[in-house]
């Protein structure tokens, strides 16, 4: 049975978690929409505050001030940068395309502010596992574990699935495992659990 025939019998859910899915002849496409963060300017503000705190810490040390407040400012600057990078990571867009004729998965990560996307092209045979995992405070996610040369890598395909989307999440998970030719056995590096 071809993938197109399998899709006609088992429809792709249009949306699961943060991912919109659609099928075209010989392809399955999943992509996140643009970030819907309520405060899209917050990472920029946090970075600006971190730079200001860092400069104040340097000025305090150069002027012979106490090192303890400078250390506190430096720690706050580091926390601000960490929070900004995490917010950016959540706002980044992702896209994948499964090409069934060539048995190739194309993964793209698009930075939140634009810029050059990160692109990986993965042969289906390089995929080691597809797992449903729980992300603390975010919901359920689907992670892909694959091999690039001698390096084991992981990529996020879907995140933010709510418990009410459990059936659709499992349908997407099964579809991906079947596409990559993975059976129900556990593979090395299997990093998650199935709900």
N, C-alpha and C. Protein backbone atom coordinates (compact mmCIF):
# COMPACT_ATOMS: atom_id res chain seq x y z
N UNK A 1 0.85 -1.18 0.00
CA UNK A 1 0.00 0.00 0.00
C UNK A 1 0.90 1.24 0.00
N UNK A 2 0.59 2.19 -0.86
CA UNK A 2 1.38 3.42 -0.93
C UNK A 2 1.01 4.34 0.23
N UNK A 3 1.86 5.33 0.47
CA UNK A 3 1.57 6.28 1.55
C UNK A 3 0.30 7.06 1.25
N UNK A 4 0.09 7.44 -0.01
CA UNK A 4 -1.13 8.19 -0.37
C UNK A 4 -2.39 7.38 -0.09
N UNK A 5 -2.33 6.05 -0.38
CA UNK A 5 -3.48 5.20 -0.07
C UNK A 5 -3.69 5.08 1.44
N UNK A 6 -2.58 4.96 2.18
CA UNK A 6 -2.69 4.87 3.65
C UNK A 6 -3.28 6.15 4.22
N UNK A 7 -2.90 7.29 3.66
CA UNK A 7 -3.45 8.57 4.14
C UNK A 7 -4.94 8.69 3.84
N UNK A 8 -5.38 8.17 2.70
CA UNK A 8 -6.80 8.28 2.36
C UNK A 8 -7.64 7.47 3.34
N UNK A 9 -7.08 6.37 3.89
CA UNK A 9 -7.80 5.57 4.87
C UNK A 9 -7.65 6.11 6.30
N UNK A 10 -6.58 6.83 6.58
CA UNK A 10 -6.29 7.30 7.93
C UNK A 10 -5.91 8.78 7.85
N UNK A 11 -6.89 9.64 7.95
CA UNK A 11 -6.69 11.08 7.74
C UNK A 11 -5.69 11.68 8.73
N UNK A 12 -4.92 12.63 8.22
CA UNK A 12 -3.97 13.37 9.05
C UNK A 12 -4.75 14.43 9.83
N UNK A 13 -4.57 14.51 11.16
CA UNK A 13 -5.25 15.58 11.89
C UNK A 13 -4.70 16.93 11.42
N UNK A 14 -5.56 17.93 11.25
CA UNK A 14 -5.09 19.22 10.74
C UNK A 14 -4.18 19.97 11.71
N UNK A 15 -4.35 19.70 13.00
CA UNK A 15 -3.54 20.42 14.00
C UNK A 15 -3.40 19.56 15.25
N UNK A 16 -2.16 19.50 15.77
CA UNK A 16 -1.87 18.83 17.03
C UNK A 16 -0.83 19.66 17.74
N UNK A 17 -1.10 20.07 18.97
CA UNK A 17 -0.15 20.91 19.70
C UNK A 17 0.12 22.19 18.93
N UNK A 18 1.40 22.51 18.73
CA UNK A 18 1.74 23.74 18.01
C UNK A 18 1.94 23.50 16.52
N UNK A 19 1.57 22.34 16.03
CA UNK A 19 1.89 21.94 14.66
C UNK A 19 0.64 21.86 13.79
N UNK A 20 0.73 22.46 12.61
CA UNK A 20 -0.30 22.29 11.57
C UNK A 20 0.22 21.25 10.60
N UNK A 21 -0.64 20.31 10.24
CA UNK A 21 -0.23 19.22 9.34
C UNK A 21 -1.07 19.24 8.08
N UNK A 22 -0.43 18.88 6.98
CA UNK A 22 -1.17 18.70 5.73
C UNK A 22 -0.41 17.70 4.87
N UNK A 23 -1.16 17.01 4.03
CA UNK A 23 -0.53 16.05 3.13
C UNK A 23 -0.72 16.51 1.69
N UNK A 24 0.28 16.27 0.91
CA UNK A 24 0.26 16.52 -0.53
C UNK A 24 0.69 15.22 -1.17
N UNK A 25 0.47 15.04 -2.45
CA UNK A 25 0.88 13.77 -3.07
C UNK A 25 2.36 13.45 -2.79
N UNK A 26 2.57 12.34 -2.09
CA UNK A 26 3.93 11.88 -1.80
C UNK A 26 4.65 12.62 -0.68
N UNK A 27 3.95 13.52 0.01
CA UNK A 27 4.61 14.31 1.06
C UNK A 27 3.67 14.53 2.24
N UNK A 28 4.28 14.63 3.42
CA UNK A 28 3.58 15.05 4.63
C UNK A 28 4.32 16.27 5.15
N UNK A 29 3.59 17.36 5.41
CA UNK A 29 4.21 18.62 5.82
C UNK A 29 3.65 19.01 7.18
N UNK A 30 4.55 19.33 8.09
CA UNK A 30 4.18 19.83 9.41
C UNK A 30 4.91 21.13 9.66
N UNK A 31 4.18 22.15 10.11
CA UNK A 31 4.84 23.42 10.40
C UNK A 31 4.13 24.15 11.52
N UNK A 32 4.93 24.85 12.31
CA UNK A 32 4.36 25.68 13.36
C UNK A 32 4.00 27.02 12.75
N UNK A 33 3.05 27.68 13.36
CA UNK A 33 2.69 29.01 12.89
C UNK A 33 3.62 30.03 13.53
N UNK A 34 3.53 31.24 13.07
CA UNK A 34 4.35 32.29 13.68
C UNK A 34 4.03 32.38 15.16
N UNK A 35 5.00 32.80 15.91
CA UNK A 35 4.85 32.85 17.36
C UNK A 35 3.66 33.72 17.75
N UNK A 36 2.87 33.20 18.66
CA UNK A 36 1.71 33.94 19.17
C UNK A 36 1.97 34.43 20.59
N UNK A 37 3.24 34.68 20.92
CA UNK A 37 3.57 35.13 22.27
C UNK A 37 2.85 36.44 22.56
N UNK A 38 2.33 36.58 23.78
CA UNK A 38 1.63 37.82 24.11
C UNK A 38 2.59 39.01 24.20
N UNK A 39 3.86 38.78 24.50
CA UNK A 39 4.84 39.86 24.62
C UNK A 39 6.04 39.56 23.71
N UNK A 40 5.92 39.74 22.39
CA UNK A 40 7.00 39.36 21.48
C UNK A 40 8.27 40.18 21.67
N UNK A 41 8.17 41.33 22.31
CA UNK A 41 9.33 42.21 22.52
C UNK A 41 10.10 41.87 23.80
N UNK A 42 9.58 40.94 24.61
CA UNK A 42 10.19 40.63 25.89
C UNK A 42 11.64 40.12 25.79
N UNK A 43 11.99 39.21 24.84
CA UNK A 43 13.39 38.78 24.76
C UNK A 43 14.35 39.94 24.48
N UNK A 44 13.95 40.87 23.64
CA UNK A 44 14.79 42.03 23.35
C UNK A 44 14.97 42.89 24.60
N UNK A 45 13.90 43.09 25.35
CA UNK A 45 13.98 43.86 26.59
C UNK A 45 14.90 43.18 27.60
N UNK A 46 14.78 41.86 27.73
CA UNK A 46 15.64 41.12 28.65
C UNK A 46 17.11 41.21 28.24
N UNK A 47 17.39 41.14 26.95
CA UNK A 47 18.78 41.27 26.49
C UNK A 47 19.32 42.67 26.78
N UNK A 48 18.50 43.69 26.54
CA UNK A 48 18.93 45.06 26.83
C UNK A 48 19.22 45.27 28.31
N UNK A 49 18.35 44.73 29.17
CA UNK A 49 18.56 44.84 30.61
C UNK A 49 19.82 44.09 31.03
N UNK A 50 20.08 42.93 30.40
CA UNK A 50 21.28 42.15 30.73
C UNK A 50 22.55 42.92 30.35
N UNK A 51 22.54 43.55 29.19
CA UNK A 51 23.70 44.34 28.77
C UNK A 51 23.90 45.51 29.74
N UNK A 52 22.82 46.19 30.10
CA UNK A 52 22.91 47.30 31.05
C UNK A 52 23.47 46.86 32.39
N UNK A 53 22.98 45.73 32.90
CA UNK A 53 23.48 45.22 34.18
C UNK A 53 24.95 44.82 34.08
N UNK A 54 25.34 44.23 32.96
CA UNK A 54 26.74 43.86 32.78
C UNK A 54 27.65 45.07 32.74
N UNK A 55 27.22 46.13 32.03
CA UNK A 55 28.02 47.36 31.97
C UNK A 55 28.10 48.03 33.34
N UNK A 56 27.01 48.00 34.10
CA UNK A 56 27.03 48.58 35.44
C UNK A 56 27.98 47.82 36.35
N UNK A 57 28.03 46.49 36.20
CA UNK A 57 28.93 45.67 37.01
C UNK A 57 30.39 46.01 36.69
N UNK A 58 30.70 46.15 35.41
CA UNK A 58 32.07 46.50 35.00
C UNK A 58 32.44 47.89 35.52
N UNK A 59 31.51 48.85 35.37
CA UNK A 59 31.78 50.22 35.85
C UNK A 59 32.00 50.23 37.37
N UNK A 60 31.22 49.44 38.09
CA UNK A 60 31.36 49.38 39.55
C UNK A 60 32.74 48.84 39.93
N UNK A 61 33.18 47.79 39.22
CA UNK A 61 34.49 47.20 39.53
C UNK A 61 35.64 48.15 39.14
N UNK A 62 35.50 48.83 38.00
CA UNK A 62 36.54 49.75 37.55
C UNK A 62 36.65 50.98 38.45
N UNK A 63 35.54 51.36 39.06
CA UNK A 63 35.58 52.55 39.93
C UNK A 63 36.00 52.20 41.36
N UNK A 64 36.35 50.94 41.60
CA UNK A 64 36.81 50.53 42.93
C UNK A 64 35.69 50.21 43.89
N UNK A 65 34.49 49.98 43.38
CA UNK A 65 33.36 49.64 44.24
C UNK A 65 33.45 48.21 44.73
N UNK A 66 32.52 47.85 45.54
CA UNK A 66 32.47 46.51 46.13
C UNK A 66 32.20 45.47 45.03
N UNK A 67 32.81 44.31 45.17
CA UNK A 67 32.63 43.27 44.17
C UNK A 67 31.33 42.50 44.35
N UNK A 68 30.74 42.51 45.54
CA UNK A 68 29.52 41.75 45.79
C UNK A 68 28.33 42.26 44.97
N UNK A 69 28.05 43.59 44.95
CA UNK A 69 26.97 44.05 44.08
C UNK A 69 27.25 43.79 42.59
N UNK A 70 28.54 43.89 42.20
CA UNK A 70 28.90 43.61 40.81
C UNK A 70 28.63 42.15 40.46
N UNK A 71 28.92 41.26 41.38
CA UNK A 71 28.65 39.84 41.17
C UNK A 71 27.15 39.60 41.04
N UNK A 72 26.37 40.24 41.90
CA UNK A 72 24.91 40.12 41.85
C UNK A 72 24.37 40.62 40.51
N UNK A 73 24.88 41.76 40.03
CA UNK A 73 24.45 42.29 38.73
C UNK A 73 24.83 41.35 37.59
N UNK A 74 26.01 40.74 37.69
CA UNK A 74 26.44 39.81 36.65
C UNK A 74 25.55 38.57 36.62
N UNK A 75 25.20 38.07 37.79
CA UNK A 75 24.30 36.91 37.85
C UNK A 75 22.93 37.27 37.27
N UNK A 76 22.41 38.43 37.62
CA UNK A 76 21.12 38.86 37.05
C UNK A 76 21.20 39.01 35.53
N UNK A 77 22.33 39.54 35.03
CA UNK A 77 22.51 39.68 33.58
C UNK A 77 22.50 38.31 32.91
N UNK A 78 23.18 37.34 33.52
CA UNK A 78 23.20 35.98 32.97
C UNK A 78 21.82 35.35 32.95
N UNK A 79 21.06 35.55 34.02
CA UNK A 79 19.70 35.02 34.08
C UNK A 79 18.80 35.67 33.03
N UNK A 80 19.00 36.96 32.81
CA UNK A 80 18.23 37.66 31.78
C UNK A 80 18.52 37.11 30.39
N UNK A 81 19.80 36.85 30.11
CA UNK A 81 20.17 36.28 28.81
C UNK A 81 19.61 34.87 28.64
N UNK A 82 19.65 34.08 29.70
CA UNK A 82 19.11 32.73 29.65
C UNK A 82 17.60 32.75 29.39
N UNK A 83 16.89 33.62 30.10
CA UNK A 83 15.43 33.74 29.90
C UNK A 83 15.12 34.19 28.48
N UNK A 84 15.89 35.14 27.94
CA UNK A 84 15.65 35.63 26.58
C UNK A 84 15.87 34.52 25.56
N UNK A 85 16.91 33.71 25.74
CA UNK A 85 17.17 32.63 24.78
C UNK A 85 16.09 31.56 24.85
N UNK A 86 15.57 31.29 26.05
CA UNK A 86 14.48 30.31 26.17
C UNK A 86 13.20 30.82 25.52
N UNK A 87 12.90 32.09 25.70
CA UNK A 87 11.72 32.66 25.05
C UNK A 87 11.87 32.63 23.53
N UNK A 88 13.08 32.92 23.05
CA UNK A 88 13.31 32.86 21.61
C UNK A 88 13.15 31.44 21.08
N UNK A 89 13.65 30.46 21.83
CA UNK A 89 13.53 29.07 21.39
C UNK A 89 12.06 28.66 21.29
N UNK A 90 11.25 29.12 22.22
CA UNK A 90 9.82 28.80 22.16
C UNK A 90 9.14 29.52 21.01
N UNK A 91 9.67 30.67 20.62
CA UNK A 91 9.06 31.42 19.52
C UNK A 91 9.58 31.03 18.16
N UNK A 92 10.61 30.18 18.12
CA UNK A 92 11.17 29.77 16.83
C UNK A 92 10.15 28.90 16.08
N UNK A 93 10.14 29.04 14.79
CA UNK A 93 9.26 28.24 13.96
C UNK A 93 10.00 27.00 13.48
N UNK A 94 9.26 25.91 13.36
CA UNK A 94 9.81 24.66 12.86
C UNK A 94 8.97 24.18 11.69
N UNK A 95 9.63 23.45 10.81
CA UNK A 95 8.92 22.88 9.68
C UNK A 95 9.61 21.57 9.31
N UNK A 96 8.81 20.57 8.97
CA UNK A 96 9.40 19.35 8.42
C UNK A 96 8.57 18.89 7.23
N UNK A 97 9.26 18.24 6.31
CA UNK A 97 8.61 17.67 5.13
C UNK A 97 9.13 16.25 4.96
N UNK A 98 8.23 15.29 4.95
CA UNK A 98 8.59 13.91 4.66
C UNK A 98 8.35 13.67 3.18
N UNK A 99 9.41 13.36 2.46
CA UNK A 99 9.32 13.04 1.02
C UNK A 99 9.36 11.53 0.90
N UNK A 100 8.24 10.93 0.54
CA UNK A 100 8.16 9.47 0.54
C UNK A 100 8.83 8.85 -0.67
N UNK A 101 8.84 9.52 -1.81
CA UNK A 101 9.47 8.95 -3.01
C UNK A 101 10.98 8.83 -2.81
N UNK A 102 11.59 9.83 -2.19
CA UNK A 102 13.05 9.81 -1.98
C UNK A 102 13.43 9.31 -0.59
N UNK A 103 12.44 9.02 0.27
CA UNK A 103 12.66 8.59 1.65
C UNK A 103 13.61 9.54 2.37
N UNK A 104 13.24 10.80 2.34
CA UNK A 104 14.06 11.85 2.94
C UNK A 104 13.19 12.77 3.80
N UNK A 105 13.66 13.08 5.00
CA UNK A 105 13.01 14.03 5.89
C UNK A 105 13.80 15.33 5.86
N UNK A 106 13.13 16.41 5.59
CA UNK A 106 13.77 17.72 5.58
C UNK A 106 13.26 18.50 6.79
N UNK A 107 14.19 18.88 7.69
CA UNK A 107 13.85 19.63 8.90
C UNK A 107 14.38 21.04 8.79
N UNK A 108 13.53 22.02 9.10
CA UNK A 108 13.96 23.41 9.10
C UNK A 108 13.60 24.05 10.43
N UNK A 109 14.54 24.79 11.00
CA UNK A 109 14.27 25.61 12.18
C UNK A 109 14.47 27.05 11.77
N UNK A 110 13.43 27.85 11.94
CA UNK A 110 13.48 29.24 11.53
C UNK A 110 13.59 30.12 12.76
N UNK A 111 14.66 30.91 12.89
CA UNK A 111 14.81 31.79 14.06
C UNK A 111 13.63 32.75 14.18
N UNK A 112 13.26 33.16 15.41
CA UNK A 112 12.08 34.00 15.61
C UNK A 112 12.17 35.36 14.93
N UNK A 113 13.33 35.94 14.83
CA UNK A 113 13.45 37.26 14.23
C UNK A 113 13.80 37.23 12.76
N UNK A 114 13.64 36.08 12.11
CA UNK A 114 14.09 35.93 10.74
C UNK A 114 15.49 35.36 10.74
N UNK A 115 16.25 35.64 9.73
CA UNK A 115 17.61 35.13 9.67
C UNK A 115 17.69 33.83 8.90
N UNK A 116 18.84 33.20 8.96
CA UNK A 116 19.11 32.00 8.18
C UNK A 116 18.54 30.78 8.89
N UNK A 117 17.69 30.00 8.23
CA UNK A 117 17.15 28.81 8.87
C UNK A 117 18.21 27.72 8.95
N UNK A 118 18.09 26.89 9.99
CA UNK A 118 18.93 25.70 10.09
C UNK A 118 18.22 24.60 9.34
N UNK A 119 18.93 23.91 8.47
CA UNK A 119 18.33 22.89 7.62
C UNK A 119 19.06 21.57 7.79
N UNK A 120 18.31 20.49 8.00
CA UNK A 120 18.86 19.14 8.05
C UNK A 120 18.06 18.27 7.10
N UNK A 121 18.75 17.48 6.28
CA UNK A 121 18.09 16.50 5.42
C UNK A 121 18.49 15.12 5.93
N UNK A 122 17.50 14.35 6.32
CA UNK A 122 17.74 13.09 7.03
C UNK A 122 17.14 11.94 6.22
N UNK A 123 17.97 10.99 5.81
CA UNK A 123 17.41 9.78 5.18
C UNK A 123 16.57 9.02 6.20
N UNK A 124 15.48 8.42 5.75
CA UNK A 124 14.62 7.68 6.66
C UNK A 124 15.41 6.62 7.44
N UNK A 125 16.41 6.01 6.80
CA UNK A 125 17.21 4.96 7.45
C UNK A 125 18.03 5.49 8.61
N UNK A 126 18.28 6.81 8.67
CA UNK A 126 19.09 7.39 9.75
C UNK A 126 18.27 7.63 11.01
N UNK A 127 16.94 7.55 10.92
CA UNK A 127 16.08 7.78 12.08
C UNK A 127 16.14 6.57 12.99
N UNK A 128 16.47 6.79 14.25
CA UNK A 128 16.61 5.72 15.23
C UNK A 128 15.33 5.51 16.04
N UNK A 129 14.62 6.62 16.34
CA UNK A 129 13.43 6.51 17.17
C UNK A 129 12.58 7.77 17.03
N UNK A 130 11.30 7.61 17.24
CA UNK A 130 10.35 8.72 17.33
C UNK A 130 9.58 8.49 18.63
N UNK A 131 9.67 9.44 19.56
CA UNK A 131 9.09 9.24 20.88
C UNK A 131 8.12 10.35 21.26
N UNK A 132 7.10 9.97 22.01
CA UNK A 132 6.25 10.94 22.67
C UNK A 132 6.87 11.19 24.04
N UNK A 133 7.17 12.43 24.34
CA UNK A 133 7.79 12.78 25.61
C UNK A 133 6.98 13.89 26.26
N UNK A 134 7.13 14.00 27.57
CA UNK A 134 6.45 15.07 28.30
C UNK A 134 7.45 16.18 28.59
N UNK A 135 7.09 17.41 28.23
CA UNK A 135 7.92 18.57 28.51
C UNK A 135 7.27 19.32 29.66
N UNK A 136 7.99 19.48 30.73
CA UNK A 136 7.47 20.10 31.94
C UNK A 136 6.91 21.49 31.64
N UNK A 137 5.67 21.72 31.96
CA UNK A 137 5.04 23.02 31.78
C UNK A 137 4.63 23.34 30.36
N UNK A 138 4.93 22.46 29.40
CA UNK A 138 4.62 22.74 28.00
C UNK A 138 3.56 21.78 27.47
N UNK A 139 3.61 20.53 27.90
CA UNK A 139 2.68 19.52 27.42
C UNK A 139 3.44 18.38 26.78
N UNK A 140 2.77 17.60 25.97
CA UNK A 140 3.39 16.46 25.31
C UNK A 140 4.06 16.93 24.02
N UNK A 141 5.12 16.21 23.65
CA UNK A 141 5.88 16.56 22.46
C UNK A 141 6.27 15.28 21.72
N UNK A 142 6.65 15.43 20.47
CA UNK A 142 7.21 14.32 19.70
C UNK A 142 8.64 14.70 19.34
N UNK A 143 9.58 13.84 19.76
CA UNK A 143 11.00 14.03 19.47
C UNK A 143 11.48 12.96 18.51
N UNK A 144 12.37 13.38 17.64
CA UNK A 144 12.99 12.50 16.66
C UNK A 144 14.44 12.29 17.05
N UNK A 145 14.88 11.04 17.08
CA UNK A 145 16.27 10.70 17.38
C UNK A 145 16.87 10.12 16.11
N UNK A 146 17.98 10.71 15.66
CA UNK A 146 18.56 10.28 14.39
C UNK A 146 20.07 10.36 14.43
N UNK A 147 20.69 9.75 13.45
CA UNK A 147 22.14 9.67 13.37
C UNK A 147 22.62 10.49 12.17
N UNK A 148 23.60 11.38 12.44
CA UNK A 148 24.26 12.15 11.38
C UNK A 148 25.73 11.75 11.42
N UNK A 149 26.14 10.83 10.55
CA UNK A 149 27.49 10.30 10.60
C UNK A 149 27.65 9.48 11.87
N UNK A 150 28.63 9.84 12.70
CA UNK A 150 28.85 9.15 13.98
C UNK A 150 28.12 9.83 15.13
N UNK A 151 27.45 10.92 14.87
CA UNK A 151 26.82 11.73 15.92
C UNK A 151 25.34 11.39 16.07
N UNK A 152 24.92 11.18 17.32
CA UNK A 152 23.50 10.99 17.62
C UNK A 152 22.87 12.36 17.82
N UNK A 153 21.75 12.63 17.16
CA UNK A 153 21.11 13.94 17.27
C UNK A 153 19.64 13.77 17.61
N UNK A 154 19.06 14.85 18.09
CA UNK A 154 17.63 14.85 18.40
C UNK A 154 17.01 16.14 17.89
N UNK A 155 15.77 16.05 17.46
CA UNK A 155 15.05 17.22 16.95
C UNK A 155 13.62 17.18 17.45
N UNK A 156 13.09 18.33 17.74
CA UNK A 156 11.71 18.47 18.18
C UNK A 156 10.82 18.61 16.94
N UNK A 157 9.82 17.75 16.82
CA UNK A 157 8.89 17.85 15.70
C UNK A 157 7.60 18.54 16.10
N UNK A 158 7.14 18.29 17.32
CA UNK A 158 5.85 18.80 17.78
C UNK A 158 5.95 19.05 19.26
N UNK A 159 5.30 20.09 19.74
CA UNK A 159 5.27 20.35 21.19
C UNK A 159 3.93 20.97 21.57
N UNK A 160 3.64 20.93 22.87
CA UNK A 160 2.46 21.61 23.38
C UNK A 160 1.15 20.87 23.19
N UNK A 161 1.19 19.55 22.97
CA UNK A 161 -0.07 18.81 22.82
C UNK A 161 -0.73 18.65 24.19
N UNK A 162 -2.00 18.96 24.25
CA UNK A 162 -2.76 18.86 25.49
C UNK A 162 -3.33 17.44 25.64
N UNK A 163 -3.72 17.06 26.86
CA UNK A 163 -4.29 15.72 27.06
C UNK A 163 -5.48 15.43 26.16
N UNK A 164 -6.28 16.44 25.84
CA UNK A 164 -7.44 16.23 24.98
C UNK A 164 -7.03 15.86 23.55
N UNK A 165 -5.78 16.11 23.18
CA UNK A 165 -5.30 15.80 21.84
C UNK A 165 -4.58 14.45 21.78
N UNK A 166 -4.74 13.64 22.83
CA UNK A 166 -4.01 12.38 22.93
C UNK A 166 -4.19 11.46 21.74
N UNK A 167 -5.42 11.31 21.25
CA UNK A 167 -5.67 10.41 20.12
C UNK A 167 -4.98 10.93 18.86
N UNK A 168 -5.07 12.22 18.60
CA UNK A 168 -4.42 12.80 17.42
C UNK A 168 -2.90 12.71 17.54
N UNK A 169 -2.38 12.93 18.75
CA UNK A 169 -0.94 12.84 18.98
C UNK A 169 -0.44 11.42 18.68
N UNK A 170 -1.17 10.42 19.15
CA UNK A 170 -0.79 9.04 18.87
C UNK A 170 -0.89 8.71 17.39
N UNK A 171 -1.89 9.26 16.71
CA UNK A 171 -2.03 9.01 15.28
C UNK A 171 -0.82 9.55 14.52
N UNK A 172 -0.38 10.77 14.87
CA UNK A 172 0.80 11.36 14.22
C UNK A 172 2.04 10.55 14.56
N UNK A 173 2.18 10.14 15.82
CA UNK A 173 3.32 9.33 16.24
C UNK A 173 3.40 8.02 15.46
N UNK A 174 2.25 7.32 15.36
CA UNK A 174 2.23 6.05 14.61
C UNK A 174 2.55 6.28 13.14
N UNK A 175 2.01 7.34 12.56
CA UNK A 175 2.25 7.65 11.16
C UNK A 175 3.74 7.89 10.91
N UNK A 176 4.40 8.64 11.81
CA UNK A 176 5.82 8.91 11.66
C UNK A 176 6.64 7.63 11.83
N UNK A 177 6.33 6.83 12.82
CA UNK A 177 7.06 5.57 13.03
C UNK A 177 6.92 4.66 11.82
N UNK A 178 5.71 4.58 11.29
CA UNK A 178 5.51 3.73 10.11
C UNK A 178 6.26 4.27 8.89
N UNK A 179 6.26 5.58 8.74
CA UNK A 179 6.96 6.18 7.60
C UNK A 179 8.45 5.86 7.64
N UNK A 180 9.04 5.87 8.83
CA UNK A 180 10.47 5.61 8.97
C UNK A 180 10.79 4.12 9.06
N UNK A 181 9.75 3.28 9.04
CA UNK A 181 9.98 1.84 9.09
C UNK A 181 10.36 1.34 10.47
N UNK A 182 9.93 2.05 11.50
CA UNK A 182 10.24 1.63 12.88
C UNK A 182 9.12 0.74 13.37
N UNK A 183 9.47 -0.36 14.00
CA UNK A 183 8.43 -1.22 14.57
C UNK A 183 8.22 -0.86 16.03
N UNK A 184 7.50 -1.67 16.76
CA UNK A 184 7.17 -1.36 18.15
C UNK A 184 8.29 -1.63 19.14
N UNK A 185 9.42 -2.15 18.67
CA UNK A 185 10.49 -2.47 19.61
C UNK A 185 11.24 -1.22 20.02
N UNK A 186 11.87 -1.29 21.17
CA UNK A 186 12.66 -0.18 21.68
C UNK A 186 14.00 -0.14 20.97
N UNK A 187 14.42 1.05 20.58
CA UNK A 187 15.68 1.23 19.88
C UNK A 187 16.70 1.88 20.80
N UNK A 188 17.99 1.72 20.50
CA UNK A 188 19.00 2.39 21.32
C UNK A 188 18.78 3.90 21.30
N UNK A 189 18.87 4.50 22.46
CA UNK A 189 18.68 5.95 22.55
C UNK A 189 17.23 6.35 22.65
N UNK A 190 16.34 5.39 22.83
CA UNK A 190 14.92 5.70 22.98
C UNK A 190 14.77 6.59 24.19
N UNK A 191 14.45 7.88 23.96
CA UNK A 191 14.53 8.83 25.06
C UNK A 191 13.23 9.16 25.74
N UNK A 192 12.12 8.61 25.34
CA UNK A 192 10.87 9.06 25.93
C UNK A 192 9.97 7.92 26.33
N UNK A 193 8.76 8.28 26.59
CA UNK A 193 7.77 7.28 26.94
C UNK A 193 6.51 7.57 26.15
N UNK A 194 5.71 6.59 26.00
CA UNK A 194 4.47 6.74 25.28
C UNK A 194 3.34 6.79 26.28
N UNK A 195 2.44 7.76 26.09
CA UNK A 195 1.32 7.86 27.00
C UNK A 195 0.21 6.94 26.53
